[in-house]
Amino acid sequence: MEATGAEVSATATTSINYTDVNKKFQELTSIFYTTRGCMILTLNDTFSKNFIATHPTLQWNEEYNRHAEAVVLTAKINIIIFGQPYEVYLHRPIKQIHRWEYEYFFGFGGHNAGFSHDRIILTFSETFDKDIDVEYLLMTGTLHQGGDGDEGSQAACCVIDEKYIKNALKLLVIGGYVKQWSAFNYFKKWFKDRGFNVEVEENNSNKFASFIFEDYAIIES
C-alpha cells in the first residue's frame, strides 16, 4: 500500500535532524570542494529574457571574464538563503566572438550557433565564507551574530520541511561549499531517501531557474 502524504511527512520528520543534515553537508564539502574555479549555471533563455525585462534598471557593466576570455556584461544580485544575502554574478554576451572558450562558457555551440543577447550565465562564489557558522545556520536558519545574549537561552531549531531543504540545497552550491553539480544531486537524493521528495528539477532549466530565483534582491548601485 502506498503511503499517504501525511504518513510520508510523519516518517520524514522523525528520520533526520539538523545534526544529520550538517554532517552530510560537511561530508559533501570535504569531497566536492576545491580552491579552484566556481560553480556556474546557464539560465533558461525564456527565463533570462523575462528577468532582463523585469529589471530594466539593473546595472550591467562591461568587464573582462577570464572564463570566457572576453569582455562581457556583468551584473550582481543577492540570492537570499536562510534570510541571508549571497552575492551572485550574472554574465551576458555583448557580441559574437568566435573563440572556443567564449562559446563554451555561454553554451552557444560551434560558430556561436544559438547565440542570444539574452543568454545569462550565473557564477557562484569561488570559496565559502569561513566566518559563517554553518552548523548554527543549518540548525536555526539564521547567522549567529554573537553578542551579550542570555547564555541560558537556546536558539530555536528550524523545521526540516520543503523550504528548509531548498535553502540547504542552495547554500551548498551558491555558498561556494562544493564545486560539482553532482554534490547537489547527492544532497537532494539524500533528503529524498529519508522521505523528503522536494520538487527541484535540475533537468528542467526553466523550473530550476525559478528555484534559484525564488528569493532574491537587486543590489543597489
N, C-alpha and C. Protein backbone atom coordinates (compact mmCIF):
# COMPACT_ATOMS: atom_id res chain seq x y z
N MET A 1 0.85 -1.20 0.00
CA MET A 1 0.00 0.00 0.00
C MET A 1 0.89 1.24 0.00
N GLU A 2 0.53 2.22 -0.81
CA GLU A 2 1.31 3.45 -0.93
C GLU A 2 1.03 4.36 0.26
N ALA A 3 2.10 4.94 0.81
CA ALA A 3 1.93 5.82 1.96
C ALA A 3 1.27 7.11 1.54
N THR A 4 0.43 7.65 2.40
CA THR A 4 -0.19 8.94 2.14
C THR A 4 0.80 10.04 2.40
N GLY A 5 0.46 11.29 1.95
CA GLY A 5 1.34 12.42 2.17
C GLY A 5 1.60 12.64 3.64
N ALA A 6 0.55 12.46 4.47
CA ALA A 6 0.71 12.67 5.91
C ALA A 6 1.66 11.64 6.50
N GLU A 7 1.55 10.38 6.01
CA GLU A 7 2.42 9.33 6.52
C GLU A 7 3.87 9.57 6.13
N VAL A 8 4.06 10.04 4.89
CA VAL A 8 5.42 10.33 4.43
C VAL A 8 6.01 11.45 5.27
N SER A 9 5.21 12.51 5.51
CA SER A 9 5.68 13.63 6.29
C SER A 9 6.04 13.21 7.71
N ALA A 10 5.22 12.36 8.30
CA ALA A 10 5.48 11.92 9.67
C ALA A 10 6.77 11.11 9.74
N THR A 11 6.99 10.27 8.73
CA THR A 11 8.22 9.47 8.69
C THR A 11 9.42 10.37 8.53
N ALA A 12 9.29 11.35 7.62
CA ALA A 12 10.41 12.22 7.32
C ALA A 12 10.83 13.05 8.52
N THR A 13 9.85 13.58 9.25
CA THR A 13 10.18 14.46 10.36
C THR A 13 10.86 13.74 11.50
N THR A 14 10.75 12.43 11.54
CA THR A 14 11.40 11.68 12.61
C THR A 14 12.67 10.97 12.14
N SER A 15 12.96 11.05 10.83
CA SER A 15 14.08 10.27 10.30
C SER A 15 15.40 11.02 10.35
N ILE A 16 15.39 12.36 10.33
CA ILE A 16 16.62 13.14 10.37
C ILE A 16 16.43 14.37 11.25
N ASN A 17 17.54 14.91 11.72
CA ASN A 17 17.52 16.18 12.44
C ASN A 17 18.61 17.07 11.87
N TYR A 18 18.74 18.27 12.41
CA TYR A 18 19.68 19.22 11.83
C TYR A 18 21.12 18.73 11.93
N THR A 19 21.44 17.91 12.97
CA THR A 19 22.79 17.36 13.10
C THR A 19 23.10 16.43 11.94
N ASP A 20 22.14 15.63 11.52
CA ASP A 20 22.31 14.75 10.36
C ASP A 20 22.56 15.56 9.10
N VAL A 21 21.78 16.63 8.94
CA VAL A 21 21.92 17.50 7.77
C VAL A 21 23.31 18.12 7.76
N ASN A 22 23.74 18.62 8.89
CA ASN A 22 25.05 19.25 8.97
C ASN A 22 26.19 18.26 8.65
N LYS A 23 26.07 17.04 9.16
CA LYS A 23 27.10 16.03 8.88
C LYS A 23 27.19 15.73 7.39
N LYS A 24 26.03 15.59 6.74
CA LYS A 24 26.02 15.32 5.30
C LYS A 24 26.56 16.52 4.53
N PHE A 25 26.20 17.72 4.96
CA PHE A 25 26.69 18.95 4.33
C PHE A 25 28.22 19.00 4.39
N GLN A 26 28.77 18.75 5.56
CA GLN A 26 30.22 18.78 5.74
C GLN A 26 30.91 17.67 4.94
N GLU A 27 30.26 16.51 4.88
CA GLU A 27 30.81 15.40 4.11
C GLU A 27 30.92 15.74 2.63
N LEU A 28 29.85 16.34 2.08
CA LEU A 28 29.85 16.73 0.67
C LEU A 28 30.88 17.81 0.40
N THR A 29 31.04 18.73 1.34
CA THR A 29 32.05 19.78 1.18
C THR A 29 33.46 19.17 1.14
N SER A 30 33.71 18.21 2.01
CA SER A 30 35.04 17.59 2.06
C SER A 30 35.37 16.84 0.78
N ILE A 31 34.34 16.34 0.09
CA ILE A 31 34.55 15.56 -1.13
C ILE A 31 34.56 16.43 -2.38
N PHE A 32 33.67 17.41 -2.42
CA PHE A 32 33.42 18.14 -3.67
C PHE A 32 33.89 19.59 -3.67
N TYR A 33 34.69 19.98 -2.69
CA TYR A 33 35.21 21.35 -2.69
C TYR A 33 36.67 21.37 -3.13
N THR A 34 37.01 22.34 -3.97
CA THR A 34 38.40 22.62 -4.32
C THR A 34 38.59 24.13 -4.27
N THR A 35 39.82 24.57 -4.20
CA THR A 35 40.09 26.01 -4.13
C THR A 35 40.06 26.66 -5.49
N ARG A 36 39.96 25.88 -6.56
CA ARG A 36 39.99 26.44 -7.91
C ARG A 36 38.59 26.46 -8.52
N GLY A 37 38.34 27.49 -9.31
CA GLY A 37 37.12 27.55 -10.10
C GLY A 37 35.89 27.91 -9.28
N CYS A 38 34.76 27.87 -9.96
CA CYS A 38 33.49 28.18 -9.30
C CYS A 38 32.37 27.43 -10.03
N MET A 39 31.25 27.31 -9.37
CA MET A 39 30.08 26.68 -9.97
C MET A 39 29.41 27.69 -10.90
N ILE A 40 28.93 27.23 -12.05
CA ILE A 40 28.21 28.10 -12.96
C ILE A 40 26.88 27.45 -13.34
N LEU A 41 25.95 28.29 -13.75
CA LEU A 41 24.63 27.81 -14.15
C LEU A 41 24.15 28.61 -15.34
N THR A 42 23.73 27.92 -16.40
CA THR A 42 23.15 28.57 -17.56
C THR A 42 21.65 28.69 -17.36
N LEU A 43 21.15 29.92 -17.34
CA LEU A 43 19.72 30.13 -17.16
C LEU A 43 18.96 29.80 -18.43
N ASN A 44 17.74 29.36 -18.27
CA ASN A 44 16.85 29.16 -19.40
C ASN A 44 16.66 30.49 -20.13
N ASP A 45 16.75 30.48 -21.48
CA ASP A 45 16.70 31.73 -22.25
C ASP A 45 15.39 32.49 -22.06
N THR A 46 14.29 31.77 -21.96
CA THR A 46 13.00 32.44 -21.74
C THR A 46 12.98 33.11 -20.37
N PHE A 47 13.48 32.40 -19.37
CA PHE A 47 13.56 32.97 -18.02
C PHE A 47 14.47 34.20 -18.04
N SER A 48 15.62 34.10 -18.72
CA SER A 48 16.57 35.20 -18.77
C SER A 48 15.95 36.44 -19.41
N LYS A 49 15.25 36.22 -20.51
CA LYS A 49 14.62 37.34 -21.22
C LYS A 49 13.60 38.04 -20.33
N ASN A 50 12.82 37.26 -19.61
CA ASN A 50 11.83 37.83 -18.69
C ASN A 50 12.50 38.57 -17.54
N PHE A 51 13.60 38.01 -17.04
CA PHE A 51 14.33 38.64 -15.94
C PHE A 51 14.88 39.99 -16.37
N ILE A 52 15.46 40.05 -17.56
CA ILE A 52 16.03 41.30 -18.08
C ILE A 52 14.93 42.35 -18.25
N ALA A 53 13.77 41.91 -18.76
CA ALA A 53 12.66 42.84 -18.96
C ALA A 53 12.08 43.32 -17.63
N THR A 54 12.12 42.47 -16.63
CA THR A 54 11.57 42.81 -15.32
C THR A 54 12.44 43.82 -14.58
N HIS A 55 13.75 43.81 -14.89
CA HIS A 55 14.70 44.68 -14.19
C HIS A 55 15.47 45.56 -15.18
N PRO A 56 14.78 46.49 -15.84
CA PRO A 56 15.43 47.31 -16.86
C PRO A 56 16.51 48.24 -16.31
N THR A 57 16.48 48.52 -15.00
CA THR A 57 17.47 49.43 -14.42
C THR A 57 18.63 48.69 -13.77
N LEU A 58 18.64 47.37 -13.85
CA LEU A 58 19.77 46.61 -13.30
C LEU A 58 21.05 47.04 -13.99
N GLN A 59 22.07 47.33 -13.21
CA GLN A 59 23.32 47.85 -13.77
C GLN A 59 24.19 46.72 -14.32
N TRP A 60 24.41 46.76 -15.64
CA TRP A 60 25.29 45.82 -16.32
C TRP A 60 26.57 46.56 -16.71
N ASN A 61 27.70 46.06 -16.28
CA ASN A 61 28.99 46.69 -16.59
C ASN A 61 29.79 45.83 -17.54
N GLU A 62 30.55 46.47 -18.40
CA GLU A 62 31.45 45.74 -19.30
C GLU A 62 32.71 45.36 -18.52
N GLU A 63 32.90 44.06 -18.35
CA GLU A 63 34.04 43.57 -17.59
C GLU A 63 34.67 42.37 -18.27
N TYR A 64 35.97 42.23 -18.08
CA TYR A 64 36.66 41.06 -18.65
C TYR A 64 36.31 39.82 -17.82
N ASN A 65 35.92 38.76 -18.49
CA ASN A 65 35.60 37.49 -17.84
C ASN A 65 36.67 36.47 -18.22
N ARG A 66 37.39 36.00 -17.22
CA ARG A 66 38.52 35.10 -17.51
C ARG A 66 38.07 33.73 -18.00
N HIS A 67 36.83 33.33 -17.67
CA HIS A 67 36.34 32.05 -18.14
C HIS A 67 35.99 32.11 -19.64
N ALA A 68 35.37 33.22 -20.03
CA ALA A 68 35.01 33.40 -21.44
C ALA A 68 36.18 33.97 -22.24
N GLU A 69 37.20 34.48 -21.54
CA GLU A 69 38.35 35.13 -22.16
C GLU A 69 37.89 36.26 -23.09
N ALA A 70 36.97 37.07 -22.56
CA ALA A 70 36.43 38.17 -23.35
C ALA A 70 35.74 39.16 -22.41
N VAL A 71 35.49 40.36 -22.92
CA VAL A 71 34.72 41.35 -22.18
C VAL A 71 33.24 41.03 -22.36
N VAL A 72 32.51 40.95 -21.24
CA VAL A 72 31.09 40.63 -21.27
C VAL A 72 30.34 41.62 -20.39
N LEU A 73 29.03 41.57 -20.41
CA LEU A 73 28.21 42.37 -19.50
C LEU A 73 28.04 41.60 -18.19
N THR A 74 28.31 42.26 -17.08
CA THR A 74 28.23 41.61 -15.78
C THR A 74 27.41 42.44 -14.80
N ALA A 75 26.54 41.78 -14.07
CA ALA A 75 25.74 42.42 -13.03
C ALA A 75 25.78 41.55 -11.79
N LYS A 76 25.31 42.09 -10.66
CA LYS A 76 25.29 41.35 -9.41
C LYS A 76 23.90 41.41 -8.78
N ILE A 77 23.50 40.30 -8.18
CA ILE A 77 22.28 40.26 -7.38
C ILE A 77 22.58 39.46 -6.11
N ASN A 78 21.67 39.52 -5.17
CA ASN A 78 21.78 38.70 -3.97
C ASN A 78 20.71 37.62 -4.00
N ILE A 79 21.13 36.37 -3.86
CA ILE A 79 20.19 35.27 -3.65
C ILE A 79 20.03 35.13 -2.13
N ILE A 80 18.79 35.12 -1.66
CA ILE A 80 18.54 35.06 -0.23
C ILE A 80 18.40 33.60 0.21
N ILE A 81 19.27 33.20 1.13
CA ILE A 81 19.28 31.82 1.64
C ILE A 81 19.23 31.88 3.16
N PHE A 82 18.24 31.22 3.75
CA PHE A 82 18.04 31.30 5.19
C PHE A 82 18.00 32.76 5.65
N GLY A 83 17.41 33.61 4.83
CA GLY A 83 17.25 35.02 5.19
C GLY A 83 18.50 35.86 5.01
N GLN A 84 19.60 35.26 4.50
CA GLN A 84 20.86 35.98 4.34
C GLN A 84 21.19 36.16 2.86
N PRO A 85 21.79 37.31 2.49
CA PRO A 85 22.13 37.55 1.08
C PRO A 85 23.45 36.89 0.67
N TYR A 86 23.42 36.23 -0.47
CA TYR A 86 24.64 35.64 -1.04
C TYR A 86 24.81 36.21 -2.44
N GLU A 87 25.93 36.86 -2.66
CA GLU A 87 26.17 37.57 -3.92
C GLU A 87 26.41 36.60 -5.07
N VAL A 88 25.73 36.86 -6.18
CA VAL A 88 25.85 36.03 -7.38
C VAL A 88 26.10 36.96 -8.57
N TYR A 89 26.97 36.54 -9.46
CA TYR A 89 27.27 37.34 -10.66
C TYR A 89 26.49 36.80 -11.85
N LEU A 90 25.97 37.72 -12.65
CA LEU A 90 25.25 37.39 -13.88
C LEU A 90 26.07 37.90 -15.06
N HIS A 91 26.21 37.07 -16.10
CA HIS A 91 27.02 37.44 -17.26
C HIS A 91 26.22 37.28 -18.55
N ARG A 92 26.31 38.29 -19.41
CA ARG A 92 25.64 38.26 -20.72
C ARG A 92 26.64 38.59 -21.81
N PRO A 93 26.44 38.06 -23.03
CA PRO A 93 27.34 38.40 -24.13
C PRO A 93 27.06 39.79 -24.68
N ILE A 94 28.08 40.42 -25.19
CA ILE A 94 27.92 41.71 -25.85
C ILE A 94 27.78 41.52 -27.36
N LYS A 95 28.60 40.61 -27.90
CA LYS A 95 28.59 40.34 -29.33
C LYS A 95 29.12 38.93 -29.56
N GLN A 96 29.02 38.48 -30.77
CA GLN A 96 29.56 37.16 -31.11
C GLN A 96 31.08 37.23 -31.16
N ILE A 97 31.71 36.29 -30.49
CA ILE A 97 33.16 36.14 -30.53
C ILE A 97 33.46 34.69 -30.87
N HIS A 98 34.14 34.48 -31.96
CA HIS A 98 34.37 33.11 -32.44
C HIS A 98 35.64 32.55 -31.80
N ARG A 99 35.48 32.19 -30.54
CA ARG A 99 36.56 31.57 -29.78
C ARG A 99 35.94 30.47 -28.93
N TRP A 100 36.62 29.32 -28.83
CA TRP A 100 36.05 28.16 -28.15
C TRP A 100 35.68 28.49 -26.72
N GLU A 101 36.57 29.18 -25.97
CA GLU A 101 36.32 29.47 -24.57
C GLU A 101 35.03 30.30 -24.39
N TYR A 102 34.83 31.24 -25.29
CA TYR A 102 33.66 32.11 -25.23
C TYR A 102 32.39 31.32 -25.54
N GLU A 103 32.43 30.52 -26.59
CA GLU A 103 31.28 29.71 -26.99
C GLU A 103 30.94 28.67 -25.93
N TYR A 104 31.98 28.10 -25.32
CA TYR A 104 31.78 27.08 -24.29
C TYR A 104 31.16 27.69 -23.04
N PHE A 105 31.68 28.85 -22.62
CA PHE A 105 31.18 29.49 -21.40
C PHE A 105 29.70 29.83 -21.52
N PHE A 106 29.30 30.37 -22.66
CA PHE A 106 27.90 30.75 -22.85
C PHE A 106 27.04 29.60 -23.39
N GLY A 107 27.66 28.49 -23.74
CA GLY A 107 26.90 27.34 -24.22
C GLY A 107 26.27 27.56 -25.58
N PHE A 108 26.94 28.32 -26.45
CA PHE A 108 26.37 28.62 -27.76
C PHE A 108 26.61 27.52 -28.79
N GLY A 109 27.64 26.73 -28.60
CA GLY A 109 27.98 25.76 -29.62
C GLY A 109 28.95 26.36 -30.63
N GLY A 110 29.46 25.54 -31.52
CA GLY A 110 30.43 25.98 -32.52
C GLY A 110 29.90 27.09 -33.40
N HIS A 111 30.78 28.04 -33.73
CA HIS A 111 30.43 29.17 -34.59
C HIS A 111 29.25 29.97 -34.02
N ASN A 112 29.15 30.00 -32.69
CA ASN A 112 28.11 30.75 -31.99
C ASN A 112 26.69 30.35 -32.39
N ALA A 113 26.52 29.08 -32.71
CA ALA A 113 25.17 28.59 -33.00
C ALA A 113 24.31 28.79 -31.75
N GLY A 114 23.13 29.33 -31.93
CA GLY A 114 22.24 29.57 -30.80
C GLY A 114 22.58 30.84 -30.04
N PHE A 115 23.37 31.73 -30.65
CA PHE A 115 23.75 32.97 -29.97
C PHE A 115 22.51 33.78 -29.59
N SER A 116 22.54 34.36 -28.38
CA SER A 116 21.44 35.20 -27.92
C SER A 116 21.99 36.27 -26.99
N HIS A 117 21.58 37.52 -27.20
CA HIS A 117 21.97 38.60 -26.30
C HIS A 117 21.33 38.44 -24.92
N ASP A 118 20.30 37.60 -24.84
CA ASP A 118 19.59 37.40 -23.57
C ASP A 118 20.16 36.26 -22.73
N ARG A 119 21.15 35.56 -23.25
CA ARG A 119 21.73 34.44 -22.50
C ARG A 119 22.38 34.96 -21.22
N ILE A 120 22.04 34.35 -20.10
CA ILE A 120 22.63 34.72 -18.81
C ILE A 120 23.29 33.50 -18.18
N ILE A 121 24.53 33.68 -17.78
CA ILE A 121 25.28 32.66 -17.05
C ILE A 121 25.48 33.17 -15.62
N LEU A 122 25.14 32.35 -14.64
CA LEU A 122 25.40 32.69 -13.24
C LEU A 122 26.73 32.08 -12.81
N THR A 123 27.51 32.83 -12.08
CA THR A 123 28.70 32.26 -11.44
C THR A 123 28.57 32.48 -9.94
N PHE A 124 28.84 31.41 -9.19
CA PHE A 124 28.69 31.45 -7.75
C PHE A 124 30.05 31.67 -7.09
N SER A 125 30.05 31.72 -5.79
CA SER A 125 31.26 32.04 -5.03
C SER A 125 32.38 31.04 -5.30
N GLU A 126 33.61 31.57 -5.42
CA GLU A 126 34.77 30.70 -5.63
C GLU A 126 35.23 30.04 -4.34
N THR A 127 34.85 30.58 -3.22
CA THR A 127 35.20 29.99 -1.94
C THR A 127 34.11 30.32 -0.92
N PHE A 128 33.98 29.49 0.09
CA PHE A 128 32.96 29.75 1.10
C PHE A 128 33.51 30.66 2.19
N ASP A 129 32.60 31.33 2.85
CA ASP A 129 32.96 32.26 3.93
C ASP A 129 33.25 31.46 5.19
N LYS A 130 34.51 31.42 5.59
CA LYS A 130 34.92 30.62 6.75
C LYS A 130 34.41 31.20 8.07
N ASP A 131 33.94 32.44 8.04
CA ASP A 131 33.43 33.05 9.27
C ASP A 131 31.98 32.67 9.56
N ILE A 132 31.32 32.04 8.59
CA ILE A 132 29.93 31.62 8.79
C ILE A 132 29.90 30.30 9.56
N ASP A 133 29.16 30.27 10.63
CA ASP A 133 28.97 29.05 11.41
C ASP A 133 27.88 28.22 10.73
N VAL A 134 28.30 27.32 9.85
CA VAL A 134 27.34 26.56 9.04
C VAL A 134 26.44 25.69 9.91
N GLU A 135 27.02 25.09 10.94
CA GLU A 135 26.22 24.23 11.82
C GLU A 135 25.08 25.02 12.46
N TYR A 136 25.41 26.21 12.96
CA TYR A 136 24.39 27.07 13.58
C TYR A 136 23.36 27.51 12.54
N LEU A 137 23.84 27.85 11.35
CA LEU A 137 22.95 28.30 10.29
C LEU A 137 21.97 27.21 9.87
N LEU A 138 22.46 25.99 9.71
CA LEU A 138 21.60 24.88 9.33
C LEU A 138 20.65 24.48 10.46
N MET A 139 21.02 24.81 11.68
CA MET A 139 20.16 24.48 12.81
C MET A 139 19.03 25.49 12.96
N THR A 140 19.36 26.78 12.84
CA THR A 140 18.38 27.82 13.17
C THR A 140 17.85 28.59 11.96
N GLY A 141 18.57 28.49 10.82
CA GLY A 141 18.16 29.27 9.66
C GLY A 141 18.56 30.72 9.76
N THR A 142 19.43 31.06 10.71
CA THR A 142 19.93 32.42 10.87
C THR A 142 21.42 32.37 11.16
N LEU A 143 22.12 33.47 10.82
CA LEU A 143 23.53 33.55 11.15
C LEU A 143 23.69 33.90 12.63
N HIS A 144 24.67 33.28 13.28
CA HIS A 144 24.94 33.56 14.69
C HIS A 144 25.67 34.89 14.78
N GLN A 145 25.04 35.87 15.40
CA GLN A 145 25.60 37.21 15.47
C GLN A 145 26.48 37.43 16.71
N GLY A 146 26.41 36.52 17.68
CA GLY A 146 27.18 36.71 18.91
C GLY A 146 26.56 37.80 19.76
N GLY A 147 27.35 38.40 20.65
CA GLY A 147 26.83 39.49 21.48
C GLY A 147 26.55 39.04 22.89
N ASP A 148 25.83 39.88 23.61
CA ASP A 148 25.59 39.64 25.03
C ASP A 148 24.20 39.05 25.27
N GLY A 149 23.90 38.00 24.58
CA GLY A 149 22.59 37.38 24.76
C GLY A 149 22.54 36.58 26.04
N ASP A 150 21.36 36.10 26.34
CA ASP A 150 21.17 35.28 27.54
C ASP A 150 21.80 33.92 27.33
N GLU A 151 22.85 33.63 28.10
CA GLU A 151 23.58 32.39 27.91
C GLU A 151 22.72 31.18 28.20
N GLY A 152 21.66 31.37 28.98
CA GLY A 152 20.81 30.24 29.32
C GLY A 152 19.78 29.93 28.27
N SER A 153 19.60 30.86 27.31
CA SER A 153 18.59 30.64 26.28
C SER A 153 19.15 29.80 25.15
N GLN A 154 18.26 29.13 24.43
CA GLN A 154 18.68 28.30 23.31
C GLN A 154 17.96 28.76 22.05
N ALA A 155 18.70 28.78 20.95
CA ALA A 155 18.11 29.19 19.68
C ALA A 155 17.11 28.13 19.22
N ALA A 156 16.02 28.58 18.66
CA ALA A 156 15.02 27.64 18.15
C ALA A 156 15.53 26.97 16.88
N CYS A 157 15.31 25.69 16.77
CA CYS A 157 15.76 24.95 15.59
C CYS A 157 14.78 25.11 14.44
N CYS A 158 15.31 25.06 13.24
CA CYS A 158 14.47 25.10 12.05
C CYS A 158 13.63 23.84 11.95
N VAL A 159 12.48 23.98 11.35
CA VAL A 159 11.69 22.81 10.98
C VAL A 159 12.23 22.29 9.66
N ILE A 160 12.53 21.01 9.58
CA ILE A 160 13.05 20.44 8.34
C ILE A 160 11.86 20.15 7.43
N ASP A 161 11.58 21.11 6.56
CA ASP A 161 10.47 21.00 5.62
C ASP A 161 10.98 21.38 4.24
N GLU A 162 10.07 21.54 3.29
CA GLU A 162 10.48 21.83 1.91
C GLU A 162 11.28 23.12 1.80
N LYS A 163 10.84 24.16 2.50
CA LYS A 163 11.55 25.44 2.45
C LYS A 163 12.96 25.30 3.01
N TYR A 164 13.09 24.59 4.12
CA TYR A 164 14.41 24.38 4.73
C TYR A 164 15.33 23.63 3.77
N ILE A 165 14.82 22.57 3.16
CA ILE A 165 15.65 21.75 2.27
C ILE A 165 16.09 22.54 1.05
N LYS A 166 15.20 23.35 0.49
CA LYS A 166 15.57 24.17 -0.66
C LYS A 166 16.67 25.15 -0.28
N ASN A 167 16.57 25.73 0.92
CA ASN A 167 17.63 26.63 1.38
C ASN A 167 18.95 25.90 1.56
N ALA A 168 18.90 24.70 2.14
CA ALA A 168 20.12 23.91 2.36
C ALA A 168 20.77 23.53 1.03
N LEU A 169 19.96 23.17 0.04
CA LEU A 169 20.48 22.81 -1.28
C LEU A 169 21.15 24.02 -1.94
N LYS A 170 20.49 25.18 -1.83
CA LYS A 170 21.06 26.39 -2.44
C LYS A 170 22.33 26.83 -1.71
N LEU A 171 22.32 26.69 -0.39
CA LEU A 171 23.50 27.08 0.38
C LEU A 171 24.72 26.27 -0.05
N LEU A 172 24.55 24.99 -0.26
CA LEU A 172 25.66 24.11 -0.64
C LEU A 172 26.35 24.61 -1.90
N VAL A 173 25.55 25.02 -2.89
CA VAL A 173 26.10 25.42 -4.19
C VAL A 173 26.43 26.90 -4.25
N ILE A 174 25.46 27.74 -3.92
CA ILE A 174 25.65 29.18 -4.06
C ILE A 174 26.63 29.71 -3.03
N GLY A 175 26.67 29.07 -1.87
CA GLY A 175 27.62 29.49 -0.83
C GLY A 175 29.06 29.13 -1.13
N GLY A 176 29.30 28.36 -2.19
CA GLY A 176 30.66 28.01 -2.59
C GLY A 176 31.24 26.82 -1.87
N TYR A 177 30.39 25.99 -1.26
CA TYR A 177 30.88 24.87 -0.45
C TYR A 177 31.23 23.63 -1.28
N VAL A 178 30.77 23.57 -2.52
CA VAL A 178 31.12 22.46 -3.42
C VAL A 178 31.39 23.03 -4.81
N LYS A 179 32.06 22.24 -5.64
CA LYS A 179 32.41 22.71 -6.98
C LYS A 179 31.93 21.76 -8.08
N GLN A 180 31.01 20.86 -7.74
CA GLN A 180 30.45 19.95 -8.74
C GLN A 180 28.95 19.84 -8.52
N TRP A 181 28.19 19.85 -9.63
CA TRP A 181 26.74 19.73 -9.52
C TRP A 181 26.31 18.37 -8.99
N SER A 182 27.18 17.37 -9.12
CA SER A 182 26.84 16.05 -8.59
C SER A 182 26.63 16.10 -7.09
N ALA A 183 27.31 17.02 -6.39
CA ALA A 183 27.12 17.16 -4.94
C ALA A 183 25.70 17.60 -4.64
N PHE A 184 25.16 18.50 -5.44
CA PHE A 184 23.78 18.95 -5.29
C PHE A 184 22.83 17.78 -5.45
N ASN A 185 23.07 16.95 -6.47
CA ASN A 185 22.20 15.79 -6.72
C ASN A 185 22.30 14.76 -5.60
N TYR A 186 23.49 14.56 -5.06
CA TYR A 186 23.66 13.64 -3.93
C TYR A 186 22.87 14.13 -2.72
N PHE A 187 22.96 15.43 -2.46
CA PHE A 187 22.28 16.01 -1.30
C PHE A 187 20.76 15.90 -1.47
N LYS A 188 20.28 16.18 -2.66
CA LYS A 188 18.85 16.07 -2.93
C LYS A 188 18.38 14.62 -2.75
N LYS A 189 19.15 13.68 -3.27
CA LYS A 189 18.79 12.26 -3.14
C LYS A 189 18.84 11.83 -1.67
N TRP A 190 19.79 12.35 -0.93
CA TRP A 190 19.90 12.02 0.49
C TRP A 190 18.62 12.41 1.22
N PHE A 191 18.10 13.59 0.94
CA PHE A 191 16.83 14.01 1.54
C PHE A 191 15.68 13.13 1.05
N LYS A 192 15.68 12.83 -0.25
CA LYS A 192 14.60 12.01 -0.81
C LYS A 192 14.57 10.62 -0.17
N ASP A 193 15.74 10.03 0.04
CA ASP A 193 15.82 8.70 0.64
C ASP A 193 15.30 8.69 2.08
N ARG A 194 15.18 9.87 2.67
CA ARG A 194 14.69 9.98 4.04
C ARG A 194 13.29 10.56 4.11
N GLY A 195 12.60 10.51 2.96
CA GLY A 195 11.19 10.87 2.93
C GLY A 195 10.87 12.27 2.46
N PHE A 196 11.89 13.05 2.07
CA PHE A 196 11.66 14.42 1.62
C PHE A 196 11.89 14.51 0.11
N ASN A 197 10.84 14.35 -0.66
CA ASN A 197 10.95 14.42 -2.11
C ASN A 197 10.60 15.83 -2.57
N VAL A 198 11.57 16.74 -2.46
CA VAL A 198 11.36 18.14 -2.81
C VAL A 198 11.43 18.31 -4.32
N GLU A 199 10.48 19.05 -4.86
CA GLU A 199 10.41 19.25 -6.31
C GLU A 199 11.44 20.28 -6.76
N VAL A 200 12.64 19.81 -7.07
CA VAL A 200 13.70 20.63 -7.63
C VAL A 200 14.20 19.91 -8.86
N GLU A 201 13.77 20.36 -10.04
CA GLU A 201 14.05 19.62 -11.27
C GLU A 201 15.22 20.26 -12.02
N GLU A 202 16.43 19.73 -11.75
CA GLU A 202 17.60 20.28 -12.42
C GLU A 202 17.61 19.97 -13.91
N ASN A 203 16.81 18.98 -14.33
CA ASN A 203 16.73 18.65 -15.75
C ASN A 203 15.77 19.58 -16.51
N ASN A 204 14.99 20.37 -15.79
CA ASN A 204 14.08 21.34 -16.40
C ASN A 204 14.66 22.72 -16.13
N SER A 205 15.31 23.32 -17.14
CA SER A 205 16.07 24.54 -16.92
C SER A 205 15.21 25.71 -16.47
N ASN A 206 13.96 25.76 -16.94
CA ASN A 206 13.09 26.87 -16.56
C ASN A 206 12.68 26.75 -15.09
N LYS A 207 12.28 25.55 -14.67
CA LYS A 207 11.87 25.34 -13.28
C LYS A 207 13.07 25.48 -12.34
N PHE A 208 14.25 25.03 -12.80
CA PHE A 208 15.42 25.13 -11.93
C PHE A 208 15.82 26.59 -11.75
N ALA A 209 15.70 27.39 -12.81
CA ALA A 209 15.97 28.83 -12.69
C ALA A 209 15.02 29.46 -11.70
N SER A 210 13.75 29.06 -11.75
CA SER A 210 12.75 29.59 -10.82
C SER A 210 13.10 29.21 -9.38
N PHE A 211 13.63 28.00 -9.19
CA PHE A 211 14.05 27.55 -7.86
C PHE A 211 15.18 28.43 -7.33
N ILE A 212 16.18 28.71 -8.16
CA ILE A 212 17.31 29.54 -7.74
C ILE A 212 16.84 30.96 -7.40
N PHE A 213 15.86 31.46 -8.17
CA PHE A 213 15.41 32.85 -8.02
C PHE A 213 14.14 32.96 -7.17
N GLU A 214 13.86 31.97 -6.36
CA GLU A 214 12.67 32.03 -5.50
C GLU A 214 12.70 33.25 -4.58
N ASP A 215 13.88 33.60 -4.11
CA ASP A 215 14.02 34.74 -3.20
C ASP A 215 15.34 35.44 -3.53
N TYR A 216 15.25 36.62 -4.11
CA TYR A 216 16.47 37.34 -4.48
C TYR A 216 16.23 38.84 -4.31
N ALA A 217 17.32 39.60 -4.34
CA ALA A 217 17.24 41.04 -4.20
C ALA A 217 18.24 41.69 -5.14
N ILE A 218 17.82 42.77 -5.77
CA ILE A 218 18.70 43.53 -6.63
C ILE A 218 19.65 44.36 -5.76
N ILE A 219 20.93 44.35 -6.10
CA ILE A 219 21.92 45.14 -5.36
C ILE A 219 21.88 46.57 -5.88
N GLU A 220 21.58 47.50 -5.00
CA GLU A 220 21.52 48.90 -5.40
C GLU A 220 22.91 49.43 -5.67
N SER A 221 23.06 50.13 -6.80
CA SER A 221 24.38 50.66 -7.16
C SER A 221 24.70 51.92 -6.35
